[in-house]
Amino acid sequence: TVLSLSDDQIAETKRTRLVIPAGTYAGQEADIVT
């Protein structure tokens, strides 16, 4: 499982939000927000 970050966590990192689409990796059924 690749963990997703919440919007608040992303804001804390001061980095750019990016979405890895569902299906990018085997068994990944939902988008990953990182």
Full PDB file with SEQRES, HELIX, SHEET, SSBOND, CRYST1, ORIGX, SCALE, CONECT and MASTER records, all heavy atoms in Angstrom:
SEQRES   1 A   34  THR VAL LEU SER LEU SER ASP ASP GLN ILE ALA GLU THR          
SEQRES   2 A   34  LYS ARG THR ARG LEU VAL ILE PRO ALA GLY THR TYR ALA          
SEQRES   3 A   34  GLY GLN GLU ALA ASP ILE VAL THR                              
HELIX    1 AA1 ASP A    7  THR A   13  1                                   7    
SHEET    1 AA1 2 VAL A  19  ILE A  20  0                                        
SHEET    2 AA1 2 ILE A  32  VAL A  33 -1                                        
CRYST1    1.000    1.000    1.000  90.00  90.00  90.00 P 1           1          
ORIGX1      1.000000  0.000000  0.000000        0.00000                         
ORIGX2      0.000000  1.000000  0.000000        0.00000                         
ORIGX3      0.000000  0.000000  1.000000        0.00000                         
SCALE1      1.000000  0.000000  0.000000        0.00000                         
SCALE2      0.000000  1.000000  0.000000        0.00000                         
SCALE3      0.000000  0.000000  1.000000        0.00000                         
ATOM      1  N   THR A   1       0.865  -1.179   0.000  1.00  0.00           N  
ATOM      2  CA  THR A   1       0.000   0.000   0.000  1.00  0.00           C  
ATOM      3  C   THR A   1       0.900   1.227   0.000  1.00  0.00           C  
ATOM      4  O   THR A   1       1.891   1.266   0.742  1.00  0.00           O  
ATOM      5  CB  THR A   1      -0.891   0.035   1.255  1.00  0.00           C  
ATOM      6  OG1 THR A   1      -1.755  -1.104   1.238  1.00  0.00           O  
ATOM      7  CG2 THR A   1      -1.725   1.307   1.297  1.00  0.00           C  
ATOM      8  N   VAL A   2       0.593   2.202  -0.829  1.00  0.00           N  
ATOM      9  CA  VAL A   2       1.310   3.472  -0.822  1.00  0.00           C  
ATOM     10  C   VAL A   2       0.417   4.465  -0.086  1.00  0.00           C  
ATOM     11  O   VAL A   2      -0.729   4.703  -0.498  1.00  0.00           O  
ATOM     12  CB  VAL A   2       1.632   3.963  -2.242  1.00  0.00           C  
ATOM     13  CG1 VAL A   2       2.378   5.298  -2.186  1.00  0.00           C  
ATOM     14  CG2 VAL A   2       2.461   2.920  -2.995  1.00  0.00           C  
ATOM     15  N   LEU A   3       0.904   5.009   1.020  1.00  0.00           N  
ATOM     16  CA  LEU A   3       0.090   5.874   1.872  1.00  0.00           C  
ATOM     17  C   LEU A   3      -0.218   7.210   1.201  1.00  0.00           C  
ATOM     18  O   LEU A   3       0.631   7.793   0.536  1.00  0.00           O  
ATOM     19  CB  LEU A   3       0.804   6.130   3.198  1.00  0.00           C  
ATOM     20  CG  LEU A   3       1.127   4.906   4.059  1.00  0.00           C  
ATOM     21  CD1 LEU A   3       1.828   5.348   5.345  1.00  0.00           C  
ATOM     22  CD2 LEU A   3      -0.135   4.106   4.385  1.00  0.00           C  
ATOM     23  N   SER A   4      -1.426   7.683   1.423  1.00  0.00           N  
ATOM     24  CA  SER A   4      -1.825   9.013   0.971  1.00  0.00           C  
ATOM     25  C   SER A   4      -1.660  10.021   2.096  1.00  0.00           C  
ATOM     26  O   SER A   4      -1.745   9.665   3.287  1.00  0.00           O  
ATOM     27  CB  SER A   4      -3.285   9.010   0.507  1.00  0.00           C  
ATOM     28  OG  SER A   4      -3.407   8.495  -0.798  1.00  0.00           O  
ATOM     29  N   LEU A   5      -1.432  11.272   1.734  1.00  0.00           N  
ATOM     30  CA  LEU A   5      -1.347  12.362   2.690  1.00  0.00           C  
ATOM     31  C   LEU A   5      -2.650  13.148   2.678  1.00  0.00           C  
ATOM     32  O   LEU A   5      -3.282  13.290   1.619  1.00  0.00           O  
ATOM     33  CB  LEU A   5      -0.193  13.303   2.361  1.00  0.00           C  
ATOM     34  CG  LEU A   5       1.225  12.860   2.747  1.00  0.00           C  
ATOM     35  CD1 LEU A   5       1.722  11.763   1.820  1.00  0.00           C  
ATOM     36  CD2 LEU A   5       2.181  14.058   2.698  1.00  0.00           C  
ATOM     37  N   SER A   6      -3.029  13.657   3.820  1.00  0.00           N  
ATOM     38  CA  SER A   6      -4.197  14.535   3.884  1.00  0.00           C  
ATOM     39  C   SER A   6      -3.799  15.921   3.382  1.00  0.00           C  
ATOM     40  O   SER A   6      -2.616  16.247   3.270  1.00  0.00           O  
ATOM     41  CB  SER A   6      -4.699  14.643   5.325  1.00  0.00           C  
ATOM     42  OG  SER A   6      -3.752  15.348   6.122  1.00  0.00           O  
ATOM     43  N   ASP A   7      -4.789  16.739   3.088  1.00  0.00           N  
ATOM     44  CA  ASP A   7      -4.502  18.105   2.636  1.00  0.00           C  
ATOM     45  C   ASP A   7      -3.723  18.879   3.691  1.00  0.00           C  
ATOM     46  O   ASP A   7      -2.831  19.676   3.370  1.00  0.00           O  
ATOM     47  CB  ASP A   7      -5.803  18.834   2.286  1.00  0.00           C  
ATOM     48  CG  ASP A   7      -6.447  18.302   1.013  1.00  0.00           C  
ATOM     49  OD1 ASP A   7      -5.735  17.616   0.236  1.00  0.00           O  
ATOM     50  OD2 ASP A   7      -7.648  18.558   0.792  1.00  0.00           O  
ATOM     51  N   ASP A   8      -4.054  18.656   4.968  1.00  0.00           N  
ATOM     52  CA  ASP A   8      -3.334  19.339   6.052  1.00  0.00           C  
ATOM     53  C   ASP A   8      -1.877  18.896   6.109  1.00  0.00           C  
ATOM     54  O   ASP A   8      -0.972  19.712   6.322  1.00  0.00           O  
ATOM     55  CB  ASP A   8      -4.007  19.069   7.399  1.00  0.00           C  
ATOM     56  CG  ASP A   8      -5.336  19.808   7.547  1.00  0.00           C  
ATOM     57  OD1 ASP A   8      -5.571  20.765   6.774  1.00  0.00           O  
ATOM     58  OD2 ASP A   8      -6.123  19.431   8.437  1.00  0.00           O  
ATOM     59  N   GLN A   9      -1.642  17.609   5.911  1.00  0.00           N  
ATOM     60  CA  GLN A   9      -0.265  17.108   5.918  1.00  0.00           C  
ATOM     61  C   GLN A   9       0.529  17.674   4.744  1.00  0.00           C  
ATOM     62  O   GLN A   9       1.694  18.050   4.895  1.00  0.00           O  
ATOM     63  CB  GLN A   9      -0.270  15.574   5.879  1.00  0.00           C  
ATOM     64  CG  GLN A   9      -0.707  14.934   7.194  1.00  0.00           C  
ATOM     65  CD  GLN A   9      -0.868  13.428   7.081  1.00  0.00           C  
ATOM     66  OE1 GLN A   9      -1.235  12.901   6.030  1.00  0.00           O  
ATOM     67  NE2 GLN A   9      -0.593  12.726   8.177  1.00  0.00           N  
ATOM     68  N   ILE A  10      -0.098  17.744   3.593  1.00  0.00           N  
ATOM     69  CA  ILE A  10       0.572  18.313   2.421  1.00  0.00           C  
ATOM     70  C   ILE A  10       0.942  19.768   2.678  1.00  0.00           C  
ATOM     71  O   ILE A  10       2.048  20.217   2.358  1.00  0.00           O  
ATOM     72  CB  ILE A  10      -0.314  18.181   1.164  1.00  0.00           C  
ATOM     73  CG1 ILE A  10      -0.427  16.702   0.761  1.00  0.00           C  
ATOM     74  CG2 ILE A  10       0.252  19.006   0.002  1.00  0.00           C  
ATOM     75  CD1 ILE A  10      -1.432  16.427  -0.327  1.00  0.00           C  
ATOM     76  N   ALA A  11       0.034  20.491   3.294  1.00  0.00           N  
ATOM     77  CA  ALA A  11       0.301  21.899   3.613  1.00  0.00           C  
ATOM     78  C   ALA A  11       1.498  22.015   4.563  1.00  0.00           C  
ATOM     79  O   ALA A  11       2.326  22.925   4.430  1.00  0.00           O  
ATOM     80  CB  ALA A  11      -0.926  22.541   4.229  1.00  0.00           C  
ATOM     81  N   GLU A  12       1.608  21.085   5.514  1.00  0.00           N  
ATOM     82  CA  GLU A  12       2.728  21.104   6.456  1.00  0.00           C  
ATOM     83  C   GLU A  12       4.060  20.890   5.744  1.00  0.00           C  
ATOM     84  O   GLU A  12       5.076  21.476   6.120  1.00  0.00           O  
ATOM     85  CB  GLU A  12       2.543  20.020   7.511  1.00  0.00           C  
ATOM     86  CG  GLU A  12       1.532  20.323   8.599  1.00  0.00           C  
ATOM     87  CD  GLU A  12       1.545  19.248   9.672  1.00  0.00           C  
ATOM     88  OE1 GLU A  12       2.454  19.276  10.528  1.00  0.00           O  
ATOM     89  OE2 GLU A  12       0.661  18.368   9.640  1.00  0.00           O  
ATOM     90  N   THR A  13       4.070  20.051   4.728  1.00  0.00           N  
ATOM     91  CA  THR A  13       5.328  19.743   4.033  1.00  0.00           C  
ATOM     92  C   THR A  13       5.798  20.895   3.154  1.00  0.00           C  
ATOM     93  O   THR A  13       6.974  20.967   2.790  1.00  0.00           O  
ATOM     94  CB  THR A  13       5.173  18.501   3.134  1.00  0.00           C  
ATOM     95  OG1 THR A  13       4.302  18.799   2.029  1.00  0.00           O  
ATOM     96  CG2 THR A  13       4.637  17.315   3.916  1.00  0.00           C  
ATOM     97  N   LYS A  14       4.871  21.775   2.756  1.00  0.00           N  
ATOM     98  CA  LYS A  14       5.174  22.898   1.852  1.00  0.00           C  
ATOM     99  C   LYS A  14       5.658  22.407   0.485  1.00  0.00           C  
ATOM    100  O   LYS A  14       6.400  23.102  -0.216  1.00  0.00           O  
ATOM    101  CB  LYS A  14       6.194  23.852   2.476  1.00  0.00           C  
ATOM    102  CG  LYS A  14       5.672  24.573   3.723  1.00  0.00           C  
ATOM    103  CD  LYS A  14       6.709  25.540   4.278  1.00  0.00           C  
ATOM    104  CE  LYS A  14       6.137  26.424   5.383  1.00  0.00           C  
ATOM    105  NZ  LYS A  14       5.584  25.683   6.517  1.00  0.00           N  
ATOM    106  N   ARG A  15       5.233  21.214   0.117  1.00  0.00           N  
ATOM    107  CA  ARG A  15       5.557  20.667  -1.198  1.00  0.00           C  
ATOM    108  C   ARG A  15       4.333  20.712  -2.104  1.00  0.00           C  
ATOM    109  O   ARG A  15       3.222  21.057  -1.679  1.00  0.00           O  
ATOM    110  CB  ARG A  15       6.063  19.229  -1.067  1.00  0.00           C  
ATOM    111  CG  ARG A  15       7.403  19.086  -0.358  1.00  0.00           C  
ATOM    112  CD  ARG A  15       8.512  19.784  -1.103  1.00  0.00           C  
ATOM    113  NE  ARG A  15       9.815  19.540  -0.495  1.00  0.00           N  
ATOM    114  CZ  ARG A  15      10.921  20.209  -0.795  1.00  0.00           C  
ATOM    115  NH1 ARG A  15      10.873  21.184  -1.691  1.00  0.00           N  
ATOM    116  NH2 ARG A  15      12.069  19.931  -0.194  1.00  0.00           N  
ATOM    117  N   THR A  16       4.534  20.334  -3.354  1.00  0.00           N  
ATOM    118  CA  THR A  16       3.465  20.380  -4.353  1.00  0.00           C  
ATOM    119  C   THR A  16       2.623  19.110  -4.296  1.00  0.00           C  
ATOM    120  O   THR A  16       3.159  17.999  -4.266  1.00  0.00           O  
ATOM    121  CB  THR A  16       4.074  20.537  -5.761  1.00  0.00           C  
ATOM    122  OG1 THR A  16       4.861  21.733  -5.792  1.00  0.00           O  
ATOM    123  CG2 THR A  16       2.988  20.622  -6.825  1.00  0.00           C  
ATOM    124  N   ARG A  17       1.310  19.276  -4.271  1.00  0.00           N  
ATOM    125  CA  ARG A  17       0.386  18.134  -4.257  1.00  0.00           C  
ATOM    126  C   ARG A  17       0.438  17.409  -5.605  1.00  0.00           C  
ATOM    127  O   ARG A  17       0.486  18.040  -6.661  1.00  0.00           O  
ATOM    128  CB  ARG A  17      -1.036  18.630  -3.999  1.00  0.00           C  
ATOM    129  CG  ARG A  17      -2.097  17.547  -3.845  1.00  0.00           C  
ATOM    130  CD  ARG A  17      -3.445  18.202  -3.571  1.00  0.00           C  
ATOM    131  NE  ARG A  17      -4.486  17.251  -3.227  1.00  0.00           N  
ATOM    132  CZ  ARG A  17      -5.279  16.649  -4.121  1.00  0.00           C  
ATOM    133  NH1 ARG A  17      -5.140  16.908  -5.411  1.00  0.00           N  
ATOM    134  NH2 ARG A  17      -6.224  15.799  -3.733  1.00  0.00           N  
ATOM    135  N   LEU A  18       0.412  16.086  -5.546  1.00  0.00           N  
ATOM    136  CA  LEU A  18       0.416  15.289  -6.778  1.00  0.00           C  
ATOM    137  C   LEU A  18      -0.444  14.054  -6.559  1.00  0.00           C  
ATOM    138  O   LEU A  18      -0.418  13.461  -5.475  1.00  0.00           O  
ATOM    139  CB  LEU A  18       1.852  14.891  -7.156  1.00  0.00           C  
ATOM    140  CG  LEU A  18       2.029  14.130  -8.478  1.00  0.00           C  
ATOM    141  CD1 LEU A  18       3.325  14.566  -9.171  1.00  0.00           C  
ATOM    142  CD2 LEU A  18       2.062  12.614  -8.236  1.00  0.00           C  
ATOM    143  N   VAL A  19      -1.185  13.666  -7.568  1.00  0.00           N  
ATOM    144  CA  VAL A  19      -2.050  12.490  -7.496  1.00  0.00           C  
ATOM    145  C   VAL A  19      -1.501  11.395  -8.413  1.00  0.00           C  
ATOM    146  O   VAL A  19      -1.304  11.621  -9.615  1.00  0.00           O  
ATOM    147  CB  VAL A  19      -3.500  12.832  -7.889  1.00  0.00           C  
ATOM    148  CG1 VAL A  19      -4.362  11.560  -7.901  1.00  0.00           C  
ATOM    149  CG2 VAL A  19      -4.088  13.864  -6.935  1.00  0.00           C  
ATOM    150  N   ILE A  20      -1.257  10.223  -7.831  1.00  0.00           N  
ATOM    151  CA  ILE A  20      -0.873   9.046  -8.615  1.00  0.00           C  
ATOM    152  C   ILE A  20      -2.167   8.293  -8.921  1.00  0.00           C  
ATOM    153  O   ILE A  20      -2.828   7.795  -8.001  1.00  0.00           O  
ATOM    154  CB  ILE A  20       0.098   8.149  -7.829  1.00  0.00           C  
ATOM    155  CG1 ILE A  20       1.372   8.927  -7.457  1.00  0.00           C  
ATOM    156  CG2 ILE A  20       0.453   6.905  -8.642  1.00  0.00           C  
ATOM    157  CD1 ILE A  20       2.339   8.153  -6.569  1.00  0.00           C  
ATOM    158  N   PRO A  21      -2.561   8.218 -10.176  1.00  0.00           N  
ATOM    159  CA  PRO A  21      -3.873   7.641 -10.513  1.00  0.00           C  
ATOM    160  C   PRO A  21      -4.019   6.183 -10.096  1.00  0.00           C  
ATOM    161  O   PRO A  21      -3.039   5.426 -10.068  1.00  0.00           O  
ATOM    162  CB  PRO A  21      -3.931   7.775 -12.039  1.00  0.00           C  
ATOM    163  CG  PRO A  21      -2.929   8.825 -12.382  1.00  0.00           C  
ATOM    164  CD  PRO A  21      -1.836   8.692 -11.367  1.00  0.00           C  
ATOM    165  N   ALA A  22      -5.241   5.801  -9.776  1.00  0.00           N  
ATOM    166  CA  ALA A  22      -5.558   4.403  -9.467  1.00  0.00           C  
ATOM    167  C   ALA A  22      -5.090   3.511 -10.610  1.00  0.00           C  
ATOM    168  O   ALA A  22      -5.181   3.886 -11.777  1.00  0.00           O  
ATOM    169  CB  ALA A  22      -7.053   4.247  -9.241  1.00  0.00           C  
ATOM    170  N   GLY A  23      -4.588   2.340 -10.256  1.00  0.00           N  
ATOM    171  CA  GLY A  23      -4.138   1.405 -11.280  1.00  0.00           C  
ATOM    172  C   GLY A  23      -2.698   1.579 -11.712  1.00  0.00           C  
ATOM    173  O   GLY A  23      -2.187   0.807 -12.531  1.00  0.00           O  
ATOM    174  N   THR A  24      -2.013   2.586 -11.161  1.00  0.00           N  
ATOM    175  CA  THR A  24      -0.607   2.792 -11.516  1.00  0.00           C  
ATOM    176  C   THR A  24       0.236   1.610 -11.052  1.00  0.00           C  
ATOM    177  O   THR A  24       1.146   1.157 -11.748  1.00  0.00           O  
ATOM    178  CB  THR A  24      -0.071   4.098 -10.900  1.00  0.00           C  
ATOM    179  OG1 THR A  24      -0.818   5.207 -11.429  1.00  0.00           O  
ATOM    180  CG2 THR A  24       1.401   4.304 -11.213  1.00  0.00           C  
ATOM    181  N   TYR A  25      -0.069   1.116  -9.849  1.00  0.00           N  
ATOM    182  CA  TYR A  25       0.659  -0.029  -9.291  1.00  0.00           C  
ATOM    183  C   TYR A  25      -0.299  -1.207  -9.093  1.00  0.00           C  
ATOM    184  O   TYR A  25      -1.510  -1.017  -8.910  1.00  0.00           O  
ATOM    185  CB  TYR A  25       1.300   0.348  -7.951  1.00  0.00           C  
ATOM    186  CG  TYR A  25       2.302   1.470  -8.061  1.00  0.00           C  
ATOM    187  CD1 TYR A  25       2.055   2.724  -7.484  1.00  0.00           C  
ATOM    188  CD2 TYR A  25       3.489   1.295  -8.758  1.00  0.00           C  
ATOM    189  CE1 TYR A  25       2.979   3.756  -7.591  1.00  0.00           C  
ATOM    190  CE2 TYR A  25       4.413   2.325  -8.872  1.00  0.00           C  
ATOM    191  CZ  TYR A  25       4.156   3.550  -8.298  1.00  0.00           C  
ATOM    192  OH  TYR A  25       5.069   4.573  -8.417  1.00  0.00           O  
ATOM    193  N   ALA A  26       0.239  -2.408  -9.129  1.00  0.00           N  
ATOM    194  CA  ALA A  26      -0.565  -3.617  -8.941  1.00  0.00           C  
ATOM    195  C   ALA A  26      -1.320  -3.542  -7.619  1.00  0.00           C  
ATOM    196  O   ALA A  26      -0.742  -3.223  -6.577  1.00  0.00           O  
ATOM    197  CB  ALA A  26       0.330  -4.852  -8.961  1.00  0.00           C  
ATOM    198  N   GLY A  27      -2.630  -3.800  -7.684  1.00  0.00           N  
ATOM    199  CA  GLY A  27      -3.454  -3.804  -6.483  1.00  0.00           C  
ATOM    200  C   GLY A  27      -3.897  -2.429  -6.006  1.00  0.00           C  
ATOM    201  O   GLY A  27      -4.605  -2.323  -5.005  1.00  0.00           O  
ATOM    202  N   GLN A  28      -3.500  -1.384  -6.713  1.00  0.00           N  
ATOM    203  CA  GLN A  28      -3.871  -0.017  -6.303  1.00  0.00           C  
ATOM    204  C   GLN A  28      -5.239   0.340  -6.876  1.00  0.00           C  
ATOM    205  O   GLN A  28      -5.372   0.642  -8.057  1.00  0.00           O  
ATOM    206  CB  GLN A  28      -2.825   0.985  -6.796  1.00  0.00           C  
ATOM    207  CG  GLN A  28      -3.140   2.424  -6.403  1.00  0.00           C  
ATOM    208  CD  GLN A  28      -2.404   3.439  -7.259  1.00  0.00           C  
ATOM    209  OE1 GLN A  28      -1.404   3.130  -7.914  1.00  0.00           O  
ATOM    210  NE2 GLN A  28      -2.911   4.664  -7.291  1.00  0.00           N  
ATOM    211  N   GLU A  29      -6.251   0.332  -6.026  1.00  0.00           N  
ATOM    212  CA  GLU A  29      -7.619   0.549  -6.494  1.00  0.00           C  
ATOM    213  C   GLU A  29      -8.070   2.008  -6.404  1.00  0.00           C  
ATOM    214  O   GLU A  29      -9.082   2.379  -7.000  1.00  0.00           O  
ATOM    215  CB  GLU A  29      -8.575  -0.328  -5.692  1.00  0.00           C  
ATOM    216  CG  GLU A  29      -8.307  -1.831  -5.879  1.00  0.00           C  
ATOM    217  CD  GLU A  29      -9.262  -2.686  -5.072  1.00  0.00           C  
ATOM    218  OE1 GLU A  29     -10.073  -2.121  -4.298  1.00  0.00           O  
ATOM    219  OE2 GLU A  29      -9.188  -3.924  -5.211  1.00  0.00           O  
ATOM    220  N   ALA A  30      -7.336   2.825  -5.661  1.00  0.00           N  
ATOM    221  CA  ALA A  30      -7.728   4.232  -5.492  1.00  0.00           C  
ATOM    222  C   ALA A  30      -6.549   5.143  -5.807  1.00  0.00           C  
ATOM    223  O   ALA A  30      -5.386   4.712  -5.812  1.00  0.00           O  
ATOM    224  CB  ALA A  30      -8.210   4.488  -4.064  1.00  0.00           C  
ATOM    225  N   ASP A  31      -6.852   6.417  -6.077  1.00  0.00           N  
ATOM    226  CA  ASP A  31      -5.794   7.400  -6.289  1.00  0.00           C  
ATOM    227  C   ASP A  31      -4.947   7.536  -5.024  1.00  0.00           C  
ATOM    228  O   ASP A  31      -5.447   7.382  -3.902  1.00  0.00           O  
ATOM    229  CB  ASP A  31      -6.387   8.776  -6.615  1.00  0.00           C  
ATOM    230  CG  ASP A  31      -7.046   8.829  -7.986  1.00  0.00           C  
ATOM    231  OD1 ASP A  31      -6.849   7.887  -8.777  1.00  0.00           O  
ATOM    232  OD2 ASP A  31      -7.742   9.824  -8.261  1.00  0.00           O  
ATOM    233  N   ILE A  32      -3.676   7.816  -5.212  1.00  0.00           N  
ATOM    234  CA  ILE A  32      -2.769   8.110  -4.101  1.00  0.00           C  
ATOM    235  C   ILE A  32      -2.479   9.606  -4.126  1.00  0.00           C  
ATOM    236  O   ILE A  32      -2.048  10.145  -5.154  1.00  0.00           O  
ATOM    237  CB  ILE A  32      -1.446   7.331  -4.235  1.00  0.00           C  
ATOM    238  CG1 ILE A  32      -1.693   5.826  -4.214  1.00  0.00           C  
ATOM    239  CG2 ILE A  32      -0.467   7.736  -3.135  1.00  0.00           C  
ATOM    240  CD1 ILE A  32      -0.536   5.006  -4.752  1.00  0.00           C  
ATOM    241  N   VAL A  33      -2.735  10.270  -3.015  1.00  0.00           N  
ATOM    242  CA  VAL A  33      -2.445  11.699  -2.915  1.00  0.00           C  
ATOM    243  C   VAL A  33      -1.136  11.852  -2.157  1.00  0.00           C  
ATOM    244  O   VAL A  33      -1.010  11.411  -1.011  1.00  0.00           O  
ATOM    245  CB  VAL A  33      -3.575  12.459  -2.185  1.00  0.00           C  
ATOM    246  CG1 VAL A  33      -3.239  13.945  -2.096  1.00  0.00           C  
ATOM    247  CG2 VAL A  33      -4.903  12.244  -2.900  1.00  0.00           C  
ATOM    248  N   THR A  34      -0.151  12.455  -2.797  1.00  0.00           N  
ATOM    249  CA  THR A  34       1.159  12.566  -2.185  1.00  0.00           C  
ATOM    250  C   THR A  34       1.778  13.918  -2.533  1.00  0.00           C  
ATOM    251  O   THR A  34       1.089  14.819  -3.009  1.00  0.00           O  
ATOM    252  CB  THR A  34       2.063  11.389  -2.605  1.00  0.00           C  
ATOM    253  OG1 THR A  34       3.295  11.443  -1.874  1.00  0.00           O  
ATOM    254  CG2 THR A  34       2.340  11.389  -4.089  1.00  0.00           C  
TER     255      THR A  34                                                      
MASTER        0    0    0    1    2    0    0    6  254    1    0    3          
END                                                                             
